[in-house]
Protein backbone atom coordinates (compact mmCIF):
# COMPACT_ATOMS: atom_id res chain seq x y z
CA MET A 1 -64.73 -65.82 132.21
CA LEU A 2 -68.22 -65.62 133.60
CA GLU A 3 -68.88 -62.58 135.78
CA ARG A 4 -71.05 -62.37 138.92
CA GLU A 5 -73.20 -59.72 137.26
CA GLU A 6 -74.04 -62.11 134.42
CA VAL A 7 -75.13 -64.75 136.93
CA LYS A 8 -77.26 -62.18 138.75
CA LYS A 9 -78.85 -61.12 135.46
CA VAL A 10 -79.68 -64.72 134.51
CA ALA A 11 -81.03 -65.37 138.01
CA HIS A 12 -83.22 -62.28 137.72
CA LEU A 13 -84.55 -63.41 134.32
CA ALA A 14 -85.29 -66.85 135.79
CA ARG A 15 -87.00 -65.20 138.78
CA LEU A 16 -84.52 -66.76 141.21
CA ALA A 17 -83.60 -65.02 144.43
CA LEU A 18 -79.95 -65.93 145.04
CA THR A 19 -77.94 -65.03 148.11
CA GLU A 20 -74.43 -63.63 147.69
CA ASP A 21 -72.97 -67.03 148.64
CA GLU A 22 -75.15 -68.78 146.05
CA THR A 23 -74.17 -66.22 143.42
CA ASP A 24 -70.48 -66.88 144.13
CA ALA A 25 -70.99 -70.66 144.04
CA PHE A 26 -73.02 -70.60 140.83
CA THR A 27 -70.56 -68.27 139.14
CA GLY A 28 -67.80 -70.84 139.59
CA GLN A 29 -69.98 -73.81 138.70
CA LEU A 30 -71.44 -72.21 135.59
CA ALA A 31 -67.98 -71.11 134.48
CA GLN A 32 -66.82 -74.75 134.69
CA ILE A 33 -69.83 -75.89 132.67
CA LEU A 34 -69.20 -73.25 130.00
CA ASP A 35 -65.51 -74.24 129.85
CA TYR A 36 -66.54 -77.87 129.28
CA VAL A 37 -68.97 -76.86 126.53
CA GLU A 38 -66.17 -74.88 124.91
CA GLN A 39 -64.00 -78.03 124.96
CA LEU A 40 -66.81 -79.95 123.25
CA ASN A 41 -67.11 -77.24 120.60
CA GLU A 42 -63.47 -77.89 119.63
CA LEU A 43 -64.32 -81.44 118.51
CA ASP A 44 -64.71 -82.10 114.78
CA THR A 45 -68.25 -83.46 114.40
CA ASP A 46 -68.71 -82.85 110.68
CA GLU A 47 -68.81 -86.58 109.89
CA VAL A 48 -71.05 -87.49 112.84
CA ALA A 49 -74.72 -87.97 112.01
CA PRO A 50 -77.20 -86.26 114.34
CA THR A 51 -78.98 -88.58 116.75
CA ALA A 52 -81.79 -88.30 119.26
CA HIS A 53 -80.34 -90.99 121.53
CA ALA A 54 -76.82 -92.07 122.33
CA ILE A 55 -77.77 -95.74 121.93
CA ASP A 56 -79.91 -97.51 119.33
CA MET A 57 -83.53 -97.53 120.46
CA ARG A 58 -86.49 -99.34 118.96
CA ASN A 59 -90.16 -99.38 119.81
CA VAL A 60 -90.96 -102.73 121.41
CA THR A 61 -94.74 -102.43 121.49
CA ARG A 62 -96.99 -104.76 119.58
CA PRO A 63 -99.63 -103.61 117.12
CA ASP A 64 -103.02 -102.90 118.66
CA ASP A 65 -105.24 -105.31 116.73
CA LEU A 66 -108.96 -105.41 117.48
CA GLU A 67 -110.27 -108.87 118.33
CA ASN A 68 -113.72 -110.01 119.38
CA TYR A 69 -113.89 -111.71 122.76
CA GLU A 70 -116.13 -114.77 122.55
CA HIS A 71 -116.94 -115.00 126.26
CA ARG A 72 -118.23 -111.46 126.81
CA GLU A 73 -121.04 -112.51 129.19
CA ASP A 74 -118.60 -114.44 131.39
CA LEU A 75 -116.39 -111.36 131.61
CA LEU A 76 -119.31 -109.07 132.48
CA ASN A 77 -120.62 -111.52 135.08
CA ALA A 78 -117.19 -111.69 136.73
CA ALA A 79 -117.03 -107.90 137.15
CA PRO A 80 -117.62 -106.53 140.69
CA ALA A 81 -120.42 -104.27 139.42
CA ARG A 82 -122.31 -104.44 136.16
CA GLU A 83 -124.73 -102.04 134.51
CA GLY A 84 -126.34 -103.53 131.41
CA ASP A 85 -123.62 -104.40 128.91
CA PHE A 86 -120.99 -102.39 130.77
CA ILE A 87 -118.72 -102.76 133.80
CA ARG A 88 -119.60 -100.15 136.43
CA VAL A 89 -116.61 -98.37 137.97
CA PRO A 90 -116.42 -95.70 140.70
CA LYS A 91 -116.59 -92.08 139.56
CA ILE A 92 -113.21 -90.36 139.62
CA LEU A 93 -113.15 -86.59 139.80
């Protein structure tokens, strides 16, 4: 069972200032969490492969292929502000 003093110690290490009511509340809540983790530790997971995600995930981005744009002048002329061969944008600091 988790003791109040252990919660106070962890709160001190985390630089948290807990009231007595918060300490009491967290003691009960953390004890429930630790009990649940203990239940999970009882499961046989020897045949379960480690995963990073619970569901299958794939990258859906396309490759970034460089292509020349044939109408460069049209693009530069359509820009709100142009400086030579570049589009002028506001300075962001």
